[in-house]
Amino acid sequence: HDVGAGGLSNAVPEIVHDCDRGARLELRNVISADKSLSPMALWCNEAQERYIIAVSQSRIEEFKKICKRERCLYAIIGHA
C-alpha cells in the first residue's frame, strides 16, 4: 500500500482492514529522518513516501533477507 495523503494514519488502517484483522502497532519503530516528530505528527506525516506491506509471520525472515540483499530499509511496526 502506497503511503501518501493521510500518511500512516490512512495506509495502516486500510491494509489491516483489507486483511480482515486488528493490529497492535509500535510507532516508535517507524523510521524517520526527523526525530523531533511527536507520535501524532509521525502517524499523520505525508512528507516521507513509504509503502506498507503485510507479511505473514512465517515469512518475516525471508522478507528481512530480501531487504538486506536489496539494501532496503524496513521497519516492523506491528502485528495483526
N, C-alpha and C. Protein backbone atom coordinates (compact mmCIF):
# COMPACT_ATOMS: atom_id res chain seq x y z
N HIS A 1 0.85 -1.17 0.00
CA HIS A 1 0.00 0.00 0.00
C HIS A 1 0.90 1.22 0.00
N ASP A 2 0.69 2.10 -0.96
CA ASP A 2 1.44 3.35 -1.06
C ASP A 2 0.96 4.28 0.04
N VAL A 3 1.90 4.90 0.74
CA VAL A 3 1.55 5.86 1.78
C VAL A 3 1.68 7.25 1.17
N GLY A 4 0.59 7.95 1.05
CA GLY A 4 0.59 9.30 0.51
C GLY A 4 -0.28 10.17 1.39
N ALA A 5 -1.37 10.65 0.83
CA ALA A 5 -2.29 11.51 1.58
C ALA A 5 -2.77 10.80 2.84
N GLY A 6 -2.63 11.47 3.96
CA GLY A 6 -3.06 10.91 5.23
C GLY A 6 -1.97 10.16 5.96
N GLY A 7 -0.85 9.89 5.29
CA GLY A 7 0.27 9.22 5.94
C GLY A 7 -0.09 7.83 6.43
N LEU A 8 0.63 7.40 7.44
CA LEU A 8 0.41 6.09 8.02
C LEU A 8 -1.00 5.95 8.59
N SER A 9 -1.57 7.08 9.03
CA SER A 9 -2.92 7.05 9.63
C SER A 9 -3.97 6.61 8.63
N ASN A 10 -3.67 6.70 7.36
CA ASN A 10 -4.58 6.25 6.31
C ASN A 10 -4.21 4.85 5.84
N ALA A 11 -2.94 4.63 5.54
CA ALA A 11 -2.50 3.38 4.93
C ALA A 11 -2.57 2.18 5.87
N VAL A 12 -2.15 2.35 7.11
CA VAL A 12 -2.13 1.22 8.04
C VAL A 12 -3.54 0.69 8.32
N PRO A 13 -4.50 1.54 8.69
CA PRO A 13 -5.85 1.00 8.91
C PRO A 13 -6.44 0.34 7.66
N GLU A 14 -6.13 0.87 6.48
CA GLU A 14 -6.66 0.27 5.25
C GLU A 14 -6.12 -1.14 5.05
N ILE A 15 -4.81 -1.33 5.22
CA ILE A 15 -4.26 -2.66 4.99
C ILE A 15 -4.69 -3.64 6.08
N VAL A 16 -4.82 -3.16 7.30
CA VAL A 16 -5.32 -4.02 8.38
C VAL A 16 -6.75 -4.44 8.09
N HIS A 17 -7.56 -3.50 7.65
CA HIS A 17 -8.96 -3.81 7.30
C HIS A 17 -9.02 -4.79 6.13
N ASP A 18 -8.20 -4.55 5.09
CA ASP A 18 -8.19 -5.43 3.92
C ASP A 18 -7.79 -6.86 4.28
N CYS A 19 -7.00 -7.01 5.35
CA CYS A 19 -6.58 -8.35 5.80
C CYS A 19 -7.61 -8.94 6.78
N ASP A 20 -8.67 -8.18 7.06
CA ASP A 20 -9.72 -8.61 7.98
C ASP A 20 -9.14 -8.96 9.36
N ARG A 21 -8.32 -8.05 9.85
CA ARG A 21 -7.64 -8.25 11.13
C ARG A 21 -7.71 -6.99 11.97
N GLY A 22 -7.23 -7.11 13.18
CA GLY A 22 -6.93 -5.98 14.03
C GLY A 22 -5.40 -5.92 14.12
N ALA A 23 -4.85 -4.90 14.75
CA ALA A 23 -3.39 -4.81 14.82
C ALA A 23 -2.96 -4.08 16.08
N ARG A 24 -1.77 -4.43 16.53
CA ARG A 24 -1.10 -3.73 17.62
C ARG A 24 0.13 -3.08 17.00
N LEU A 25 0.26 -1.77 17.14
CA LEU A 25 1.32 -1.01 16.47
C LEU A 25 2.29 -0.39 17.46
N GLU A 26 3.51 -0.21 17.02
CA GLU A 26 4.55 0.50 17.77
C GLU A 26 5.09 1.61 16.90
N LEU A 27 4.57 2.82 17.07
CA LEU A 27 5.02 3.93 16.24
C LEU A 27 6.49 4.26 16.43
N ARG A 28 7.05 3.94 17.58
CA ARG A 28 8.47 4.25 17.79
C ARG A 28 9.37 3.40 16.89
N ASN A 29 8.81 2.36 16.26
CA ASN A 29 9.60 1.56 15.31
C ASN A 29 9.65 2.17 13.91
N VAL A 30 8.83 3.17 13.65
CA VAL A 30 8.79 3.81 12.34
C VAL A 30 10.09 4.60 12.13
N ILE A 31 10.75 4.35 11.02
CA ILE A 31 11.99 5.06 10.70
C ILE A 31 11.65 6.47 10.24
N SER A 32 12.32 7.45 10.84
CA SER A 32 12.07 8.85 10.48
C SER A 32 13.37 9.64 10.52
N ALA A 33 13.57 10.46 9.52
CA ALA A 33 14.75 11.33 9.50
C ALA A 33 14.62 12.46 10.52
N ASP A 34 13.37 12.80 10.88
CA ASP A 34 13.11 13.88 11.82
C ASP A 34 12.73 13.30 13.18
N LYS A 35 13.69 13.21 14.06
CA LYS A 35 13.48 12.61 15.39
C LYS A 35 12.63 13.49 16.30
N SER A 36 12.34 14.72 15.89
CA SER A 36 11.56 15.62 16.73
C SER A 36 10.04 15.42 16.56
N LEU A 37 9.63 14.59 15.60
CA LEU A 37 8.20 14.41 15.37
C LEU A 37 7.52 13.72 16.55
N SER A 38 6.40 14.26 16.96
CA SER A 38 5.60 13.62 18.00
C SER A 38 4.95 12.37 17.40
N PRO A 39 4.46 11.44 18.23
CA PRO A 39 3.77 10.28 17.69
C PRO A 39 2.62 10.67 16.75
N MET A 40 1.86 11.69 17.10
CA MET A 40 0.74 12.12 16.25
C MET A 40 1.25 12.67 14.91
N ALA A 41 2.32 13.47 14.96
CA ALA A 41 2.88 14.01 13.73
C ALA A 41 3.43 12.90 12.84
N LEU A 42 4.08 11.91 13.44
CA LEU A 42 4.61 10.77 12.68
C LEU A 42 3.47 9.96 12.06
N TRP A 43 2.41 9.75 12.82
CA TRP A 43 1.24 8.98 12.36
C TRP A 43 0.58 9.64 11.16
N CYS A 44 0.56 10.96 11.12
CA CYS A 44 -0.13 11.70 10.05
C CYS A 44 0.83 12.28 9.01
N ASN A 45 2.12 12.06 9.15
CA ASN A 45 3.13 12.67 8.29
C ASN A 45 2.99 12.19 6.85
N GLU A 46 2.84 13.14 5.93
CA GLU A 46 2.76 12.84 4.50
C GLU A 46 4.06 13.16 3.77
N ALA A 47 5.04 13.69 4.49
CA ALA A 47 6.25 14.19 3.85
C ALA A 47 7.18 13.08 3.37
N GLN A 48 7.17 11.95 4.02
CA GLN A 48 8.10 10.88 3.67
C GLN A 48 7.33 9.77 2.97
N GLU A 49 7.65 9.54 1.70
CA GLU A 49 6.98 8.47 0.96
C GLU A 49 7.38 7.12 1.53
N ARG A 50 6.38 6.29 1.74
CA ARG A 50 6.59 4.97 2.31
C ARG A 50 5.64 4.00 1.66
N TYR A 51 5.90 2.72 1.89
CA TYR A 51 4.99 1.66 1.49
C TYR A 51 4.72 0.80 2.70
N ILE A 52 3.51 0.30 2.77
CA ILE A 52 3.11 -0.60 3.85
C ILE A 52 2.81 -1.94 3.20
N ILE A 53 3.37 -3.01 3.75
CA ILE A 53 3.01 -4.34 3.27
C ILE A 53 2.71 -5.22 4.47
N ALA A 54 1.83 -6.16 4.26
CA ALA A 54 1.53 -7.16 5.28
C ALA A 54 2.32 -8.41 4.93
N VAL A 55 3.10 -8.89 5.88
CA VAL A 55 3.92 -10.09 5.68
C VAL A 55 3.53 -11.11 6.73
N SER A 56 3.26 -12.31 6.28
CA SER A 56 2.93 -13.39 7.21
C SER A 56 4.10 -13.61 8.17
N GLN A 57 3.78 -13.87 9.42
CA GLN A 57 4.81 -14.10 10.44
C GLN A 57 5.77 -15.22 9.99
N SER A 58 5.25 -16.20 9.28
CA SER A 58 6.08 -17.32 8.83
C SER A 58 7.09 -16.92 7.74
N ARG A 59 6.94 -15.72 7.18
CA ARG A 59 7.83 -15.29 6.09
C ARG A 59 8.66 -14.06 6.44
N ILE A 60 8.65 -13.67 7.73
CA ILE A 60 9.39 -12.47 8.15
C ILE A 60 10.89 -12.62 7.86
N GLU A 61 11.47 -13.76 8.17
CA GLU A 61 12.91 -13.94 7.94
C GLU A 61 13.25 -13.84 6.45
N GLU A 62 12.40 -14.40 5.61
CA GLU A 62 12.60 -14.29 4.16
C GLU A 62 12.53 -12.83 3.72
N PHE A 63 11.56 -12.10 4.26
CA PHE A 63 11.41 -10.67 3.97
C PHE A 63 12.67 -9.90 4.39
N LYS A 64 13.18 -10.17 5.58
CA LYS A 64 14.38 -9.49 6.06
C LYS A 64 15.57 -9.75 5.15
N LYS A 65 15.72 -10.99 4.68
CA LYS A 65 16.82 -11.34 3.79
C LYS A 65 16.72 -10.59 2.46
N ILE A 66 15.51 -10.48 1.95
CA ILE A 66 15.31 -9.73 0.70
C ILE A 66 15.68 -8.27 0.90
N CYS A 67 15.23 -7.68 2.01
CA CYS A 67 15.54 -6.28 2.29
C CYS A 67 17.04 -6.07 2.43
N LYS A 68 17.72 -7.00 3.10
CA LYS A 68 19.17 -6.88 3.25
C LYS A 68 19.85 -6.97 1.89
N ARG A 69 19.44 -7.93 1.07
CA ARG A 69 20.03 -8.11 -0.26
C ARG A 69 19.83 -6.86 -1.12
N GLU A 70 18.65 -6.25 -1.04
CA GLU A 70 18.32 -5.09 -1.86
C GLU A 70 18.71 -3.77 -1.20
N ARG A 71 19.29 -3.83 -0.01
CA ARG A 71 19.65 -2.63 0.76
C ARG A 71 18.47 -1.70 0.95
N CYS A 72 17.39 -2.30 1.36
CA CYS A 72 16.12 -1.59 1.54
C CYS A 72 15.79 -1.47 3.03
N LEU A 73 15.67 -0.24 3.50
CA LEU A 73 15.27 -0.03 4.88
C LEU A 73 13.86 -0.55 5.10
N TYR A 74 13.62 -1.09 6.28
CA TYR A 74 12.27 -1.53 6.63
C TYR A 74 12.10 -1.40 8.14
N ALA A 75 10.89 -1.40 8.57
CA ALA A 75 10.58 -1.42 9.99
C ALA A 75 9.34 -2.27 10.19
N ILE A 76 9.39 -3.11 11.18
CA ILE A 76 8.21 -3.88 11.57
C ILE A 76 7.50 -3.04 12.62
N ILE A 77 6.36 -2.47 12.24
CA ILE A 77 5.69 -1.51 13.11
C ILE A 77 4.50 -2.12 13.85
N GLY A 78 4.24 -3.40 13.63
CA GLY A 78 3.13 -4.00 14.34
C GLY A 78 2.86 -5.43 13.94
N HIS A 79 1.88 -5.99 14.62
CA HIS A 79 1.46 -7.36 14.38
C HIS A 79 -0.05 -7.41 14.35
N ALA A 80 -0.57 -8.23 13.44
CA ALA A 80 -2.02 -8.42 13.34
C ALA A 80 -2.43 -9.57 14.24
